[in-house]
Amino acid sequence: MSLDQLRKAGVVKVGIANQPPYSGMNPDGSLSGFVPTLLQAVFSKLGVPKVEGLVATYGELVPGLQAGRWQMIGASFRLSKERCAQVLFTDPVTFDGGAFAYVPKDLSSPPKSLAELGKSGAKSGMLQGSYLLKLGEDKGIDRGSISQFPSNPALIDALLAKRVPVAVSTFASLRELQKQRGGAFEIVYPVPDDPPVGSGPAFRREDTELHAAFQKELRAMRASGELARMAGQFGFETPADLMNLSGEEACARVS
């Protein structure tokens, strides 16, 4: 898909995850969250006035992109070696790591790492298609002990209903739900065996012209401070040493 084609259509379709504050969809169909807000700003500068989102699980984002269901991944998509081989990432726009949610009266001693969770043999809940599924297995968690859920609200519903003693997701999403649920659960963060590596939007590998146009505007927003101000509105901060990390550099750092 070329930028000229998008300009003529007046709309870009993006695949998103329903995971506030990264990305989400309101009941009226409008988009919410940091990354969709960023996309609307960038594509407005590029002459594409409308961003249309389609909600999917993280595991569906790459197949949907490759099948042409959307022109880009508009979620905060975590970089990994496998994903970097499949898609063309922009520069990272969020840096967040895994975290555990638990209810103190139901679990007095929560795990402090993925490896510790694996050794305990305890059941846990994770998002469908999350990078944490594979990472958890790599750290010794039995896939059979994991219940998978389509969204973070569903994951926390299961935690509060005592269907799982531990919910595993990313810190910013759990922190947002902790506020919404009135502090009904506690969070363990950081998790030492899942340090932040960077996440961001992504394109098909062949859409190099569109990717380059997006990158140019994104980097201009970063240089002017507009990106940092926008991220701050959603509670995100970029570590100073990673402020200018490119997508290529970020992919080279992940395993």
C-alpha atoms as a PDB file:
ATOM      1  CA  MET A   1       0.000   0.000   0.000  1.00  0.00           C
ATOM      2  CA  SER A   2       1.419   3.384  -0.993  1.00  0.00           C
ATOM      3  CA  LEU A   3       0.932   6.736   0.692  1.00  0.00           C
ATOM      4  CA  ASP A   4      -0.698   8.083  -2.489  1.00  0.00           C
ATOM      5  CA  GLN A   5      -3.281   5.296  -2.348  1.00  0.00           C
ATOM      6  CA  LEU A   6      -4.076   6.114   1.273  1.00  0.00           C
ATOM      7  CA  ARG A   7      -4.386   9.805   0.467  1.00  0.00           C
ATOM      8  CA  LYS A   8      -6.834   9.031  -2.329  1.00  0.00           C
ATOM      9  CA  ALA A   9      -8.855   6.746  -0.040  1.00  0.00           C
ATOM     10  CA  GLY A  10      -8.741   9.299   2.775  1.00  0.00           C
ATOM     11  CA  VAL A  11      -8.446   6.543   5.373  1.00  0.00           C
ATOM     12  CA  VAL A  12      -5.892   4.098   6.748  1.00  0.00           C
ATOM     13  CA  LYS A  13      -7.068   0.862   8.379  1.00  0.00           C
ATOM     14  CA  VAL A  14      -5.048  -0.264  11.381  1.00  0.00           C
ATOM     15  CA  GLY A  15      -5.138  -3.363  13.521  1.00  0.00           C
ATOM     16  CA  ILE A  16      -5.172  -2.594  17.228  1.00  0.00           C
ATOM     17  CA  ALA A  17      -5.338  -4.470  20.507  1.00  0.00           C
ATOM     18  CA  ASN A  18      -7.975  -3.496  23.036  1.00  0.00           C
ATOM     19  CA  GLN A  19      -5.418  -2.756  25.719  1.00  0.00           C
ATOM     20  CA  PRO A  20      -5.685   0.720  27.267  1.00  0.00           C
ATOM     21  CA  PRO A  21      -3.755   2.924  27.735  1.00  0.00           C
ATOM     22  CA  TYR A  22      -1.759   1.683  24.718  1.00  0.00           C
ATOM     23  CA  SER A  23      -4.713   1.333  22.341  1.00  0.00           C
ATOM     24  CA  GLY A  24      -8.428   0.653  22.486  1.00  0.00           C
ATOM     25  CA  MET A  25     -11.821   1.296  20.988  1.00  0.00           C
ATOM     26  CA  ASN A  26     -14.666   3.285  22.543  1.00  0.00           C
ATOM     27  CA  PRO A  27     -18.285   2.016  22.445  1.00  0.00           C
ATOM     28  CA  ASP A  28     -19.032   4.430  19.586  1.00  0.00           C
ATOM     29  CA  GLY A  29     -16.256   2.905  17.470  1.00  0.00           C
ATOM     30  CA  SER A  30     -13.787   5.752  17.893  1.00  0.00           C
ATOM     31  CA  LEU A  31     -10.206   4.928  18.808  1.00  0.00           C
ATOM     32  CA  SER A  32      -8.559   5.650  22.132  1.00  0.00           C
ATOM     33  CA  GLY A  33      -5.170   5.244  23.718  1.00  0.00           C
ATOM     34  CA  PHE A  34      -1.687   6.562  23.066  1.00  0.00           C
ATOM     35  CA  VAL A  35      -0.786   4.785  19.823  1.00  0.00           C
ATOM     36  CA  PRO A  36      -4.054   5.544  17.941  1.00  0.00           C
ATOM     37  CA  THR A  37      -3.740   9.176  19.054  1.00  0.00           C
ATOM     38  CA  LEU A  38      -0.186   9.182  17.705  1.00  0.00           C
ATOM     39  CA  LEU A  39      -1.301   7.603  14.424  1.00  0.00           C
ATOM     40  CA  GLN A  40      -4.046  10.177  13.961  1.00  0.00           C
ATOM     41  CA  ALA A  41      -1.477  12.956  14.413  1.00  0.00           C
ATOM     42  CA  VAL A  42       1.050  11.416  12.023  1.00  0.00           C
ATOM     43  CA  PHE A  43      -1.409  10.526   9.266  1.00  0.00           C
ATOM     44  CA  SER A  44      -3.012  13.954   9.488  1.00  0.00           C
ATOM     45  CA  LYS A  45       0.425  15.403   8.733  1.00  0.00           C
ATOM     46  CA  LEU A  46       0.737  12.931   5.844  1.00  0.00           C
ATOM     47  CA  GLY A  47      -2.574  13.970   4.297  1.00  0.00           C
ATOM     48  CA  VAL A  48      -4.663  10.980   5.406  1.00  0.00           C
ATOM     49  CA  PRO A  49      -7.478  12.422   7.551  1.00  0.00           C
ATOM     50  CA  LYS A  50      -9.058   9.249   8.972  1.00  0.00           C
ATOM     51  CA  VAL A  51      -7.659   6.337  10.973  1.00  0.00           C
ATOM     52  CA  GLU A  52     -10.024   3.357  11.173  1.00  0.00           C
ATOM     53  CA  GLY A  53      -9.268   0.678  13.740  1.00  0.00           C
ATOM     54  CA  LEU A  54     -10.094  -3.018  13.836  1.00  0.00           C
ATOM     55  CA  VAL A  55      -9.668  -4.802  17.169  1.00  0.00           C
ATOM     56  CA  ALA A  56      -7.744  -8.064  17.303  1.00  0.00           C
ATOM     57  CA  THR A  57      -5.722 -10.107  19.761  1.00  0.00           C
ATOM     58  CA  TYR A  58      -1.958  -9.668  19.647  1.00  0.00           C
ATOM     59  CA  GLY A  59      -1.650 -13.064  17.991  1.00  0.00           C
ATOM     60  CA  GLU A  60      -3.900 -11.926  15.133  1.00  0.00           C
ATOM     61  CA  LEU A  61      -2.113  -8.662  14.343  1.00  0.00           C
ATOM     62  CA  VAL A  62       0.627  -9.998  12.070  1.00  0.00           C
ATOM     63  CA  PRO A  63      -1.588 -12.505  10.177  1.00  0.00           C
ATOM     64  CA  GLY A  64      -4.187  -9.765   9.676  1.00  0.00           C
ATOM     65  CA  LEU A  65      -1.532  -7.405   8.354  1.00  0.00           C
ATOM     66  CA  GLN A  66      -0.164  -9.998   5.955  1.00  0.00           C
ATOM     67  CA  ALA A  67      -3.683 -10.880   4.773  1.00  0.00           C
ATOM     68  CA  GLY A  68      -4.453  -7.221   4.023  1.00  0.00           C
ATOM     69  CA  ARG A  69      -7.157  -6.781   6.674  1.00  0.00           C
ATOM     70  CA  TRP A  70      -5.352  -3.602   7.747  1.00  0.00           C
ATOM     71  CA  GLN A  71      -2.538  -1.500   6.320  1.00  0.00           C
ATOM     72  CA  MET A  72      -0.489  -1.392   9.518  1.00  0.00           C
ATOM     73  CA  ILE A  73      -0.368  -2.550  13.114  1.00  0.00           C
ATOM     74  CA  GLY A  74      -1.528   0.406  15.184  1.00  0.00           C
ATOM     75  CA  ALA A  75      -0.909  -1.126  18.603  1.00  0.00           C
ATOM     76  CA  SER A  76       2.045  -0.836  20.937  1.00  0.00           C
ATOM     77  CA  PHE A  77       3.518  -4.045  19.494  1.00  0.00           C
ATOM     78  CA  ARG A  78       6.462  -5.385  21.464  1.00  0.00           C
ATOM     79  CA  LEU A  79       9.616  -6.001  19.483  1.00  0.00           C
ATOM     80  CA  SER A  80      10.978  -9.533  19.397  1.00  0.00           C
ATOM     81  CA  LYS A  81      13.385 -11.368  17.111  1.00  0.00           C
ATOM     82  CA  GLU A  82      10.523 -13.280  15.500  1.00  0.00           C
ATOM     83  CA  ARG A  83       8.364 -10.199  14.976  1.00  0.00           C
ATOM     84  CA  CYS A  84      11.262  -8.129  13.632  1.00  0.00           C
ATOM     85  CA  ALA A  85      11.673 -10.782  10.913  1.00  0.00           C
ATOM     86  CA  GLN A  86       7.969 -10.588  10.023  1.00  0.00           C
ATOM     87  CA  VAL A  87       7.206  -6.857  10.010  1.00  0.00           C
ATOM     88  CA  LEU A  88       8.858  -3.463   9.608  1.00  0.00           C
ATOM     89  CA  PHE A  89       8.771  -1.686  12.963  1.00  0.00           C
ATOM     90  CA  THR A  90       8.788   2.063  13.459  1.00  0.00           C
ATOM     91  CA  ASP A  91      11.015   3.503  16.147  1.00  0.00           C
ATOM     92  CA  PRO A  92       9.777   2.331  19.562  1.00  0.00           C
ATOM     93  CA  VAL A  93       7.241   4.661  21.173  1.00  0.00           C
ATOM     94  CA  THR A  94       6.687   2.885  24.516  1.00  0.00           C
ATOM     95  CA  PHE A  95       9.012   1.012  26.858  1.00  0.00           C
ATOM     96  CA  ASP A  96       7.228  -1.283  29.249  1.00  0.00           C
ATOM     97  CA  GLY A  97       7.861  -4.686  30.788  1.00  0.00           C
ATOM     98  CA  GLY A  98       5.857  -7.547  32.194  1.00  0.00           C
ATOM     99  CA  ALA A  99       4.143  -7.393  35.575  1.00  0.00           C
ATOM    100  CA  PHE A 100       2.057  -9.612  37.850  1.00  0.00           C
ATOM    101  CA  ALA A 101      -1.352  -8.772  39.272  1.00  0.00           C
ATOM    102  CA  TYR A 102      -2.612 -10.574  42.377  1.00  0.00           C
ATOM    103  CA  VAL A 103      -5.119 -10.175  45.212  1.00  0.00           C
ATOM    104  CA  PRO A 104      -3.257 -10.156  48.563  1.00  0.00           C
ATOM    105  CA  LYS A 105      -6.003 -11.950  50.512  1.00  0.00           C
ATOM    106  CA  ASP A 106      -5.940 -14.751  47.932  1.00  0.00           C
ATOM    107  CA  LEU A 107      -2.159 -14.932  47.434  1.00  0.00           C
ATOM    108  CA  SER A 108       0.082 -13.819  50.261  1.00  0.00           C
ATOM    109  CA  SER A 109       3.395 -14.422  48.477  1.00  0.00           C
ATOM    110  CA  PRO A 110       3.246 -13.523  44.759  1.00  0.00           C
ATOM    111  CA  PRO A 111       6.028 -14.538  42.354  1.00  0.00           C
ATOM    112  CA  LYS A 112       8.777 -12.019  41.714  1.00  0.00           C
ATOM    113  CA  SER A 113       9.864 -13.342  38.302  1.00  0.00           C
ATOM    114  CA  LEU A 114       8.617 -15.492  35.442  1.00  0.00           C
ATOM    115  CA  ALA A 115      11.113 -18.172  36.414  1.00  0.00           C
ATOM    116  CA  GLU A 116       9.758 -18.189  39.973  1.00  0.00           C
ATOM    117  CA  LEU A 117       6.204 -18.474  38.650  1.00  0.00           C
ATOM    118  CA  GLY A 118       7.291 -21.437  36.541  1.00  0.00           C
ATOM    119  CA  LYS A 119       8.971 -23.195  39.471  1.00  0.00           C
ATOM    120  CA  SER A 120       5.865 -22.758  41.626  1.00  0.00           C
ATOM    121  CA  GLY A 121       3.647 -24.553  39.114  1.00  0.00           C
ATOM    122  CA  ALA A 122       0.847 -22.093  39.921  1.00  0.00           C
ATOM    123  CA  LYS A 123      -1.869 -21.318  37.411  1.00  0.00           C
ATOM    124  CA  SER A 124      -1.742 -17.943  35.718  1.00  0.00           C
ATOM    125  CA  GLY A 125      -3.669 -15.900  33.192  1.00  0.00           C
ATOM    126  CA  MET A 126      -2.225 -14.186  30.103  1.00  0.00           C
ATOM    127  CA  LEU A 127      -3.472 -12.469  26.966  1.00  0.00           C
ATOM    128  CA  GLN A 128      -4.051 -14.478  23.808  1.00  0.00           C
ATOM    129  CA  GLY A 129      -1.101 -13.994  21.453  1.00  0.00           C
ATOM    130  CA  SER A 130       0.951 -12.096  24.031  1.00  0.00           C
ATOM    131  CA  TYR A 131       4.734 -12.240  23.794  1.00  0.00           C
ATOM    132  CA  LEU A 132       4.587 -13.298  27.454  1.00  0.00           C
ATOM    133  CA  LEU A 133       3.271 -16.745  26.488  1.00  0.00           C
ATOM    134  CA  LYS A 134       6.475 -17.748  24.719  1.00  0.00           C
ATOM    135  CA  LEU A 135       8.710 -15.850  27.107  1.00  0.00           C
ATOM    136  CA  GLY A 136       6.990 -17.555  30.036  1.00  0.00           C
ATOM    137  CA  GLU A 137       7.575 -20.964  28.485  1.00  0.00           C
ATOM    138  CA  ASP A 138      11.227 -20.064  27.911  1.00  0.00           C
ATOM    139  CA  LYS A 139      11.468 -19.237  31.631  1.00  0.00           C
ATOM    140  CA  GLY A 140       9.936 -22.571  32.677  1.00  0.00           C
ATOM    141  CA  ILE A 141       6.184 -21.933  32.839  1.00  0.00           C
ATOM    142  CA  ASP A 142       4.146 -24.928  31.674  1.00  0.00           C
ATOM    143  CA  ARG A 143       1.772 -23.816  28.876  1.00  0.00           C
ATOM    144  CA  GLY A 144      -0.846 -26.136  30.382  1.00  0.00           C
ATOM    145  CA  SER A 145      -0.919 -23.997  33.541  1.00  0.00           C
ATOM    146  CA  ILE A 146      -1.794 -20.833  31.575  1.00  0.00           C
ATOM    147  CA  SER A 147      -5.356 -19.686  30.928  1.00  0.00           C
ATOM    148  CA  GLN A 148      -5.614 -17.311  27.971  1.00  0.00           C
ATOM    149  CA  PHE A 149      -7.959 -14.319  27.739  1.00  0.00           C
ATOM    150  CA  PRO A 150      -8.904 -11.989  24.867  1.00  0.00           C
ATOM    151  CA  SER A 151      -8.360  -8.720  26.749  1.00  0.00           C
ATOM    152  CA  ASN A 152      -6.900  -7.304  29.941  1.00  0.00           C
ATOM    153  CA  PRO A 153     -10.336  -6.519  31.440  1.00  0.00           C
ATOM    154  CA  ALA A 154     -11.280 -10.186  30.938  1.00  0.00           C
ATOM    155  CA  LEU A 155      -7.963 -11.204  32.475  1.00  0.00           C
ATOM    156  CA  ILE A 156      -8.598  -9.103  35.587  1.00  0.00           C
ATOM    157  CA  ASP A 157     -12.194 -10.340  35.800  1.00  0.00           C
ATOM    158  CA  ALA A 158     -10.777 -13.864  36.024  1.00  0.00           C
ATOM    159  CA  LEU A 159      -8.284 -12.804  38.691  1.00  0.00           C
ATOM    160  CA  LEU A 160     -10.959 -11.181  40.862  1.00  0.00           C
ATOM    161  CA  ALA A 161     -13.248 -14.186  40.388  1.00  0.00           C
ATOM    162  CA  LYS A 162     -10.419 -16.433  41.665  1.00  0.00           C
ATOM    163  CA  ARG A 163     -10.181 -18.333  38.381  1.00  0.00           C
ATOM    164  CA  VAL A 164      -6.433 -17.603  38.317  1.00  0.00           C
ATOM    165  CA  PRO A 165      -4.249 -16.533  41.264  1.00  0.00           C
ATOM    166  CA  VAL A 166      -1.855 -14.503  39.111  1.00  0.00           C
ATOM    167  CA  ALA A 167      -2.503 -12.355  36.032  1.00  0.00           C
ATOM    168  CA  VAL A 168       0.512 -11.662  33.811  1.00  0.00           C
ATOM    169  CA  SER A 169       0.496  -8.664  31.484  1.00  0.00           C
ATOM    170  CA  THR A 170       2.372  -5.417  30.936  1.00  0.00           C
ATOM    171  CA  PHE A 171       2.763  -2.852  33.691  1.00  0.00           C
ATOM    172  CA  ALA A 172       1.003   0.125  32.096  1.00  0.00           C
ATOM    173  CA  SER A 173      -2.100  -1.896  31.236  1.00  0.00           C
ATOM    174  CA  LEU A 174      -2.326  -3.409  34.726  1.00  0.00           C
ATOM    175  CA  ARG A 175      -1.750  -0.019  36.348  1.00  0.00           C
ATOM    176  CA  GLU A 176      -4.616   1.467  34.298  1.00  0.00           C
ATOM    177  CA  LEU A 177      -6.965  -1.346  35.332  1.00  0.00           C
ATOM    178  CA  GLN A 178      -5.843  -1.055  38.952  1.00  0.00           C
ATOM    179  CA  LYS A 179      -7.088   2.545  38.902  1.00  0.00           C
ATOM    180  CA  GLN A 180     -10.348   1.582  37.205  1.00  0.00           C
ATOM    181  CA  ARG A 181     -11.008  -1.236  39.686  1.00  0.00           C
ATOM    182  CA  GLY A 182     -10.356   0.919  42.730  1.00  0.00           C
ATOM    183  CA  GLY A 183      -7.186  -0.844  43.814  1.00  0.00           C
ATOM    184  CA  ALA A 184      -8.824  -4.285  43.932  1.00  0.00           C
ATOM    185  CA  PHE A 185      -5.476  -5.961  43.245  1.00  0.00           C
ATOM    186  CA  GLU A 186      -1.766  -5.340  43.719  1.00  0.00           C
ATOM    187  CA  ILE A 187       1.012  -5.321  41.111  1.00  0.00           C
ATOM    188  CA  VAL A 188       4.525  -6.763  41.116  1.00  0.00           C
ATOM    189  CA  TYR A 189       6.848  -4.685  38.913  1.00  0.00           C
ATOM    190  CA  PRO A 190       9.523  -4.713  37.602  1.00  0.00           C
ATOM    191  CA  VAL A 191       9.976  -8.361  36.653  1.00  0.00           C
ATOM    192  CA  PRO A 192      13.727  -8.982  36.301  1.00  0.00           C
ATOM    193  CA  ASP A 193      13.478 -11.579  33.523  1.00  0.00           C
ATOM    194  CA  ASP A 194      11.268  -9.346  31.366  1.00  0.00           C
ATOM    195  CA  PRO A 195      12.962  -5.944  31.138  1.00  0.00           C
ATOM    196  CA  PRO A 196      11.459  -3.292  28.817  1.00  0.00           C
ATOM    197  CA  VAL A 197      12.744  -3.590  25.241  1.00  0.00           C
ATOM    198  CA  GLY A 198      10.486  -1.224  23.323  1.00  0.00           C
ATOM    199  CA  SER A 199       7.190  -1.448  21.438  1.00  0.00           C
ATOM    200  CA  GLY A 200       5.638   0.415  18.551  1.00  0.00           C
ATOM    201  CA  PRO A 201       3.558   0.350  15.364  1.00  0.00           C
ATOM    202  CA  ALA A 202       4.595  -1.807  12.404  1.00  0.00           C
ATOM    203  CA  PHE A 203       4.126  -2.160   8.637  1.00  0.00           C
ATOM    204  CA  ARG A 204       4.393  -4.920   6.060  1.00  0.00           C
ATOM    205  CA  ARG A 205       8.037  -5.411   5.139  1.00  0.00           C
ATOM    206  CA  GLU A 206       7.363  -4.511   1.512  1.00  0.00           C
ATOM    207  CA  ASP A 207       5.707  -1.165   2.412  1.00  0.00           C
ATOM    208  CA  THR A 208       9.044   0.628   2.694  1.00  0.00           C
ATOM    209  CA  GLU A 209       7.856   3.929   1.193  1.00  0.00           C
ATOM    210  CA  LEU A 210       4.934   4.206   3.615  1.00  0.00           C
ATOM    211  CA  HIS A 211       7.158   3.196   6.527  1.00  0.00           C
ATOM    212  CA  ALA A 212       9.739   5.851   5.588  1.00  0.00           C
ATOM    213  CA  ALA A 213       7.090   8.588   5.361  1.00  0.00           C
ATOM    214  CA  PHE A 214       5.705   7.622   8.773  1.00  0.00           C
ATOM    215  CA  GLN A 215       9.185   7.503  10.298  1.00  0.00           C
ATOM    216  CA  LYS A 216      10.009  10.983   9.027  1.00  0.00           C
ATOM    217  CA  GLU A 217       6.989  12.511  10.774  1.00  0.00           C
ATOM    218  CA  LEU A 218       7.464  10.415  13.914  1.00  0.00           C
ATOM    219  CA  ARG A 219      11.062  11.539  14.266  1.00  0.00           C
ATOM    220  CA  ALA A 220      10.090  15.160  13.712  1.00  0.00           C
ATOM    221  CA  MET A 221       7.551  14.828  16.535  1.00  0.00           C
ATOM    222  CA  ARG A 222      10.207  13.281  18.742  1.00  0.00           C
ATOM    223  CA  ALA A 223      12.701  16.055  17.989  1.00  0.00           C
ATOM    224  CA  SER A 224      10.165  18.806  18.717  1.00  0.00           C
ATOM    225  CA  GLY A 225       9.027  17.241  22.006  1.00  0.00           C
ATOM    226  CA  GLU A 226       5.506  16.661  20.684  1.00  0.00           C
ATOM    227  CA  LEU A 227       5.861  12.880  21.011  1.00  0.00           C
ATOM    228  CA  ALA A 228       6.993  13.053  24.651  1.00  0.00           C
ATOM    229  CA  ARG A 229       4.137  15.414  25.552  1.00  0.00           C
ATOM    230  CA  MET A 230       1.608  13.123  23.910  1.00  0.00           C
ATOM    231  CA  ALA A 231       3.034  10.034  25.619  1.00  0.00           C
ATOM    232  CA  GLY A 232       2.940  11.828  28.969  1.00  0.00           C
ATOM    233  CA  GLN A 233      -0.789  12.424  28.620  1.00  0.00           C
ATOM    234  CA  PHE A 234      -1.216   8.643  28.751  1.00  0.00           C
ATOM    235  CA  GLY A 235       1.273   8.048  31.547  1.00  0.00           C
ATOM    236  CA  PHE A 236       4.232   6.937  29.414  1.00  0.00           C
ATOM    237  CA  GLU A 237       7.813   8.115  29.757  1.00  0.00           C
ATOM    238  CA  THR A 238      10.778   7.163  27.592  1.00  0.00           C
ATOM    239  CA  PRO A 239      14.051   6.447  29.426  1.00  0.00           C
ATOM    240  CA  ALA A 240      16.603   9.106  28.529  1.00  0.00           C
ATOM    241  CA  ASP A 241      19.113   6.560  27.199  1.00  0.00           C
ATOM    242  CA  LEU A 242      16.503   5.144  24.810  1.00  0.00           C
ATOM    243  CA  MET A 243      15.023   8.441  23.625  1.00  0.00           C
ATOM    244  CA  ASN A 244      16.580   8.216  20.152  1.00  0.00           C
ATOM    245  CA  LEU A 245      16.551   4.435  19.692  1.00  0.00           C
ATOM    246  CA  SER A 246      15.602   3.530  16.107  1.00  0.00           C
ATOM    247  CA  GLY A 247      13.483   0.576  15.091  1.00  0.00           C
ATOM    248  CA  GLU A 248      16.522  -1.046  13.466  1.00  0.00           C
ATOM    249  CA  GLU A 249      18.621  -0.598  16.611  1.00  0.00           C
ATOM    250  CA  ALA A 250      15.810  -1.898  18.820  1.00  0.00           C
ATOM    251  CA  CYS A 251      15.401  -5.020  16.663  1.00  0.00           C
ATOM    252  CA  ALA A 252      19.154  -5.640  16.846  1.00  0.00           C
ATOM    253  CA  ARG A 253      18.956  -5.637  20.657  1.00  0.00           C
ATOM    254  CA  VAL A 254      16.180  -8.212  21.096  1.00  0.00           C
ATOM    255  CA  SER A 255      16.550 -11.964  21.255  1.00  0.00           C
END
